[in-house]
Amino acid sequence: MCTTHFWGPVSNFGIPVAAIMDLKKDPTLISGPMTGSLIVYSLVFMRYATAVTPWNPLLFGCHVVNEIAQIGQGARFVNYWYLGGKDKATTAPAAPAASSEEK
């Protein structure tokens, strides 16, 4: 518990936690290049976690969670900017306001 094999992955969990929390935010806030970079980064470090001796399952798990979260963000980015999500968001009708007569 007093080594970088523990504290490195624990502190690194901030990245996937932030990505998971951002899954409900507006897709215009997603950076495509950064999301792509984080996808590659997590793939590289998943491989690294299996190559180091001793094997570091905590680091591997951190990057598995980050990979899944970043792929989700990437899918939202591609859907919004390239698959018509932006058009659907701008043409969606606003919810009607409740009238005082319905009370």
N, C-alpha and C. Protein backbone atom coordinates (compact mmCIF):
# COMPACT_ATOMS: atom_id res chain seq x y z
N MET A 1 0.82 -1.19 0.00
CA MET A 1 0.00 0.00 0.00
C MET A 1 0.87 1.27 0.00
N CYS A 2 2.11 1.13 0.29
CA CYS A 2 3.00 2.29 0.34
C CYS A 2 3.86 2.39 -0.92
N THR A 3 3.38 1.86 -2.05
CA THR A 3 4.16 1.89 -3.27
C THR A 3 3.42 2.63 -4.36
N THR A 4 4.14 2.92 -5.43
CA THR A 4 3.50 3.56 -6.59
C THR A 4 2.58 2.59 -7.32
N HIS A 5 2.73 1.28 -7.09
CA HIS A 5 1.83 0.31 -7.70
C HIS A 5 0.42 0.44 -7.13
N PHE A 6 0.29 1.08 -5.99
CA PHE A 6 -1.03 1.32 -5.39
C PHE A 6 -1.49 2.75 -5.61
N TRP A 7 -0.67 3.73 -5.22
CA TRP A 7 -1.10 5.12 -5.25
C TRP A 7 -1.18 5.70 -6.66
N GLY A 8 -0.37 5.20 -7.58
CA GLY A 8 -0.46 5.66 -8.97
C GLY A 8 -1.84 5.40 -9.57
N PRO A 9 -2.29 4.13 -9.55
CA PRO A 9 -3.63 3.84 -10.07
C PRO A 9 -4.75 4.50 -9.29
N VAL A 10 -4.60 4.57 -7.97
CA VAL A 10 -5.66 5.20 -7.17
C VAL A 10 -5.83 6.66 -7.56
N SER A 11 -4.71 7.38 -7.69
CA SER A 11 -4.82 8.79 -8.09
C SER A 11 -5.26 8.92 -9.54
N ASN A 12 -4.95 7.93 -10.35
CA ASN A 12 -5.33 7.95 -11.76
C ASN A 12 -6.83 7.72 -11.96
N PHE A 13 -7.52 7.19 -10.96
CA PHE A 13 -8.96 6.94 -11.07
C PHE A 13 -9.75 8.24 -11.22
N GLY A 14 -9.13 9.39 -10.99
CA GLY A 14 -9.82 10.66 -11.20
C GLY A 14 -10.26 10.86 -12.64
N ILE A 15 -9.49 10.35 -13.58
CA ILE A 15 -9.82 10.51 -15.01
C ILE A 15 -11.10 9.77 -15.37
N PRO A 16 -11.22 8.45 -15.08
CA PRO A 16 -12.47 7.79 -15.43
C PRO A 16 -13.67 8.26 -14.61
N VAL A 17 -13.43 8.65 -13.36
CA VAL A 17 -14.55 9.16 -12.56
C VAL A 17 -15.09 10.44 -13.19
N ALA A 18 -14.21 11.33 -13.62
CA ALA A 18 -14.64 12.57 -14.29
C ALA A 18 -15.38 12.26 -15.58
N ALA A 19 -14.88 11.30 -16.35
CA ALA A 19 -15.54 10.94 -17.62
C ALA A 19 -16.92 10.36 -17.37
N ILE A 20 -17.06 9.53 -16.35
CA ILE A 20 -18.37 8.95 -16.03
C ILE A 20 -19.34 10.05 -15.59
N MET A 21 -18.86 10.98 -14.79
CA MET A 21 -19.73 12.07 -14.34
C MET A 21 -20.13 12.98 -15.50
N ASP A 22 -19.28 13.07 -16.53
CA ASP A 22 -19.57 13.93 -17.68
C ASP A 22 -20.49 13.27 -18.71
N LEU A 23 -20.86 12.01 -18.53
CA LEU A 23 -21.69 11.33 -19.52
C LEU A 23 -23.08 11.96 -19.66
N LYS A 24 -23.52 12.71 -18.69
CA LYS A 24 -24.84 13.35 -18.76
C LYS A 24 -24.77 14.82 -19.19
N LYS A 25 -23.56 15.35 -19.33
CA LYS A 25 -23.42 16.77 -19.69
C LYS A 25 -23.64 16.98 -21.19
N ASP A 26 -23.78 18.22 -21.55
CA ASP A 26 -24.00 18.62 -22.93
C ASP A 26 -22.86 18.12 -23.83
N PRO A 27 -23.18 17.44 -24.94
CA PRO A 27 -22.13 16.91 -25.81
C PRO A 27 -21.29 17.98 -26.50
N THR A 28 -21.73 19.23 -26.48
CA THR A 28 -20.90 20.28 -27.08
C THR A 28 -19.64 20.54 -26.26
N LEU A 29 -19.62 20.08 -25.01
CA LEU A 29 -18.47 20.28 -24.15
C LEU A 29 -17.38 19.23 -24.34
N ILE A 30 -17.67 18.18 -25.12
CA ILE A 30 -16.71 17.09 -25.31
C ILE A 30 -15.66 17.51 -26.33
N SER A 31 -14.40 17.30 -25.99
CA SER A 31 -13.31 17.54 -26.93
C SER A 31 -13.00 16.23 -27.65
N GLY A 32 -13.23 16.20 -28.94
CA GLY A 32 -12.96 15.01 -29.73
C GLY A 32 -11.50 14.58 -29.70
N PRO A 33 -10.56 15.52 -29.95
CA PRO A 33 -9.15 15.12 -29.91
C PRO A 33 -8.70 14.62 -28.53
N MET A 34 -9.18 15.24 -27.48
CA MET A 34 -8.79 14.81 -26.13
C MET A 34 -9.38 13.44 -25.82
N THR A 35 -10.62 13.21 -26.20
CA THR A 35 -11.25 11.92 -25.98
C THR A 35 -10.51 10.83 -26.74
N GLY A 36 -10.15 11.10 -27.98
CA GLY A 36 -9.38 10.14 -28.76
C GLY A 36 -8.03 9.85 -28.13
N SER A 37 -7.39 10.88 -27.62
CA SER A 37 -6.10 10.70 -26.96
C SER A 37 -6.24 9.84 -25.70
N LEU A 38 -7.30 10.06 -24.94
CA LEU A 38 -7.51 9.28 -23.72
C LEU A 38 -7.86 7.82 -24.02
N ILE A 39 -8.52 7.58 -25.15
CA ILE A 39 -8.81 6.21 -25.56
C ILE A 39 -7.50 5.47 -25.85
N VAL A 40 -6.62 6.11 -26.63
CA VAL A 40 -5.32 5.51 -26.95
C VAL A 40 -4.47 5.36 -25.67
N TYR A 41 -4.46 6.38 -24.84
CA TYR A 41 -3.71 6.37 -23.58
C TYR A 41 -4.11 5.18 -22.72
N SER A 42 -5.41 4.96 -22.57
CA SER A 42 -5.86 3.85 -21.73
C SER A 42 -5.51 2.50 -22.34
N LEU A 43 -5.59 2.39 -23.66
CA LEU A 43 -5.18 1.13 -24.30
C LEU A 43 -3.71 0.84 -24.04
N VAL A 44 -2.87 1.86 -24.18
CA VAL A 44 -1.44 1.68 -23.96
C VAL A 44 -1.16 1.27 -22.52
N PHE A 45 -1.81 1.93 -21.57
CA PHE A 45 -1.53 1.62 -20.18
C PHE A 45 -2.21 0.34 -19.70
N MET A 46 -3.25 -0.12 -20.37
CA MET A 46 -3.76 -1.46 -20.07
C MET A 46 -2.70 -2.48 -20.43
N ARG A 47 -2.05 -2.29 -21.56
CA ARG A 47 -0.97 -3.19 -21.98
C ARG A 47 0.20 -3.09 -21.00
N TYR A 48 0.55 -1.88 -20.60
CA TYR A 48 1.64 -1.67 -19.65
C TYR A 48 1.35 -2.37 -18.32
N ALA A 49 0.11 -2.29 -17.85
CA ALA A 49 -0.26 -2.90 -16.57
C ALA A 49 -0.08 -4.41 -16.60
N THR A 50 -0.21 -5.02 -17.77
CA THR A 50 -0.01 -6.47 -17.87
C THR A 50 1.46 -6.82 -18.08
N ALA A 51 2.28 -5.86 -18.52
CA ALA A 51 3.69 -6.13 -18.82
C ALA A 51 4.62 -5.93 -17.63
N VAL A 52 4.20 -5.11 -16.66
CA VAL A 52 5.09 -4.85 -15.52
C VAL A 52 5.12 -6.05 -14.59
N THR A 53 6.21 -6.14 -13.86
CA THR A 53 6.34 -7.20 -12.85
C THR A 53 6.48 -6.53 -11.49
N PRO A 54 5.65 -6.82 -10.54
CA PRO A 54 4.51 -7.72 -10.60
C PRO A 54 3.34 -7.09 -11.37
N TRP A 55 2.47 -7.98 -11.87
CA TRP A 55 1.31 -7.53 -12.60
C TRP A 55 0.48 -6.59 -11.72
N ASN A 56 -0.02 -5.50 -12.30
CA ASN A 56 -0.74 -4.50 -11.50
C ASN A 56 -2.22 -4.49 -11.89
N PRO A 57 -3.05 -5.29 -11.23
CA PRO A 57 -4.47 -5.34 -11.59
C PRO A 57 -5.21 -4.04 -11.29
N LEU A 58 -4.76 -3.27 -10.31
CA LEU A 58 -5.42 -2.00 -10.00
C LEU A 58 -5.23 -1.00 -11.15
N LEU A 59 -4.03 -0.94 -11.69
CA LEU A 59 -3.77 -0.06 -12.83
C LEU A 59 -4.55 -0.54 -14.05
N PHE A 60 -4.57 -1.84 -14.26
CA PHE A 60 -5.33 -2.39 -15.38
C PHE A 60 -6.81 -2.05 -15.25
N GLY A 61 -7.38 -2.25 -14.06
CA GLY A 61 -8.80 -1.95 -13.84
C GLY A 61 -9.11 -0.49 -14.04
N CYS A 62 -8.22 0.38 -13.58
CA CYS A 62 -8.42 1.81 -13.76
C CYS A 62 -8.53 2.15 -15.25
N HIS A 63 -7.66 1.57 -16.05
CA HIS A 63 -7.68 1.89 -17.48
C HIS A 63 -8.79 1.19 -18.24
N VAL A 64 -9.26 0.06 -17.74
CA VAL A 64 -10.44 -0.57 -18.34
C VAL A 64 -11.65 0.34 -18.14
N VAL A 65 -11.83 0.83 -16.91
CA VAL A 65 -12.95 1.73 -16.62
C VAL A 65 -12.83 3.00 -17.46
N ASN A 66 -11.61 3.55 -17.55
CA ASN A 66 -11.41 4.76 -18.34
C ASN A 66 -11.68 4.50 -19.81
N GLU A 67 -11.25 3.36 -20.32
CA GLU A 67 -11.49 3.03 -21.74
C GLU A 67 -12.98 3.00 -22.04
N ILE A 68 -13.75 2.35 -21.19
CA ILE A 68 -15.19 2.27 -21.39
C ILE A 68 -15.83 3.65 -21.32
N ALA A 69 -15.44 4.45 -20.33
CA ALA A 69 -16.01 5.80 -20.19
C ALA A 69 -15.63 6.68 -21.37
N GLN A 70 -14.39 6.61 -21.83
CA GLN A 70 -13.96 7.46 -22.94
C GLN A 70 -14.60 7.02 -24.25
N ILE A 71 -14.80 5.72 -24.44
CA ILE A 71 -15.50 5.26 -25.64
C ILE A 71 -16.94 5.77 -25.62
N GLY A 72 -17.56 5.77 -24.43
CA GLY A 72 -18.90 6.35 -24.32
C GLY A 72 -18.92 7.83 -24.68
N GLN A 73 -17.94 8.57 -24.19
CA GLN A 73 -17.84 10.00 -24.53
C GLN A 73 -17.57 10.17 -26.03
N GLY A 74 -16.70 9.33 -26.57
CA GLY A 74 -16.41 9.40 -28.00
C GLY A 74 -17.63 9.12 -28.85
N ALA A 75 -18.43 8.15 -28.42
CA ALA A 75 -19.66 7.84 -29.14
C ALA A 75 -20.63 9.03 -29.09
N ARG A 76 -20.72 9.67 -27.95
CA ARG A 76 -21.58 10.85 -27.84
C ARG A 76 -21.08 11.97 -28.73
N PHE A 77 -19.76 12.17 -28.79
CA PHE A 77 -19.17 13.21 -29.63
C PHE A 77 -19.48 12.95 -31.10
N VAL A 78 -19.23 11.71 -31.56
CA VAL A 78 -19.48 11.36 -32.96
C VAL A 78 -20.96 11.47 -33.28
N ASN A 79 -21.82 11.00 -32.38
CA ASN A 79 -23.26 11.10 -32.62
C ASN A 79 -23.71 12.55 -32.75
N TYR A 80 -23.22 13.40 -31.88
CA TYR A 80 -23.65 14.80 -31.90
C TYR A 80 -23.14 15.54 -33.14
N TRP A 81 -21.87 15.40 -33.45
CA TRP A 81 -21.28 16.20 -34.51
C TRP A 81 -21.37 15.58 -35.90
N TYR A 82 -21.45 14.25 -36.00
CA TYR A 82 -21.37 13.61 -37.31
C TYR A 82 -22.56 12.74 -37.69
N LEU A 83 -23.40 12.36 -36.75
CA LEU A 83 -24.51 11.46 -37.05
C LEU A 83 -25.88 12.10 -36.85
N GLY A 84 -25.95 13.41 -36.84
CA GLY A 84 -27.22 14.09 -36.78
C GLY A 84 -27.73 14.44 -35.40
N GLY A 85 -26.98 14.19 -34.37
CA GLY A 85 -27.44 14.52 -33.02
C GLY A 85 -27.60 16.02 -32.82
N LYS A 86 -26.75 16.80 -33.47
CA LYS A 86 -26.84 18.26 -33.37
C LYS A 86 -28.14 18.76 -34.00
N ASP A 87 -28.48 18.19 -35.14
CA ASP A 87 -29.72 18.60 -35.81
C ASP A 87 -30.95 18.22 -34.98
N LYS A 88 -30.92 17.04 -34.38
CA LYS A 88 -32.04 16.60 -33.55
C LYS A 88 -32.18 17.48 -32.31
N ALA A 89 -31.05 17.89 -31.75
CA ALA A 89 -31.08 18.73 -30.54
C ALA A 89 -31.63 20.12 -30.84
N THR A 90 -31.34 20.66 -32.02
CA THR A 90 -31.80 22.00 -32.35
C THR A 90 -33.23 22.02 -32.85
N THR A 91 -33.74 20.90 -33.36
CA THR A 91 -35.11 20.87 -33.88
C THR A 91 -36.10 20.23 -32.91
N ALA A 92 -35.63 19.77 -31.76
CA ALA A 92 -36.54 19.14 -30.79
C ALA A 92 -37.50 20.20 -30.26
N PRO A 93 -38.79 19.87 -30.26
CA PRO A 93 -39.76 20.84 -29.75
C PRO A 93 -39.62 21.00 -28.23
N ALA A 94 -39.83 22.21 -27.79
CA ALA A 94 -39.76 22.49 -26.36
C ALA A 94 -40.98 21.90 -25.67
N ALA A 95 -40.84 21.48 -24.46
CA ALA A 95 -41.96 20.92 -23.69
C ALA A 95 -42.95 22.05 -23.40
N PRO A 96 -44.22 21.78 -23.58
CA PRO A 96 -45.22 22.83 -23.33
C PRO A 96 -45.27 23.18 -21.85
N ALA A 97 -45.46 24.44 -21.59
CA ALA A 97 -45.56 24.90 -20.21
C ALA A 97 -46.92 24.52 -19.65
N ALA A 98 -46.96 24.17 -18.39
CA ALA A 98 -48.22 23.81 -17.73
C ALA A 98 -49.05 25.07 -17.53
N SER A 99 -50.29 24.98 -17.90
CA SER A 99 -51.16 26.14 -17.73
C SER A 99 -51.76 26.14 -16.33
N SER A 100 -52.22 27.29 -15.92
CA SER A 100 -52.82 27.40 -14.58
C SER A 100 -54.19 26.72 -14.53
N GLU A 101 -54.80 26.45 -15.70
CA GLU A 101 -56.10 25.82 -15.73
C GLU A 101 -56.02 24.34 -15.38
N GLU A 102 -54.84 23.72 -15.56
CA GLU A 102 -54.71 22.28 -15.31
C GLU A 102 -54.64 21.97 -13.81
N LYS A 103 -54.45 22.96 -12.99
CA LYS A 103 -54.31 22.73 -11.55
C LYS A 103 -55.60 22.45 -10.89
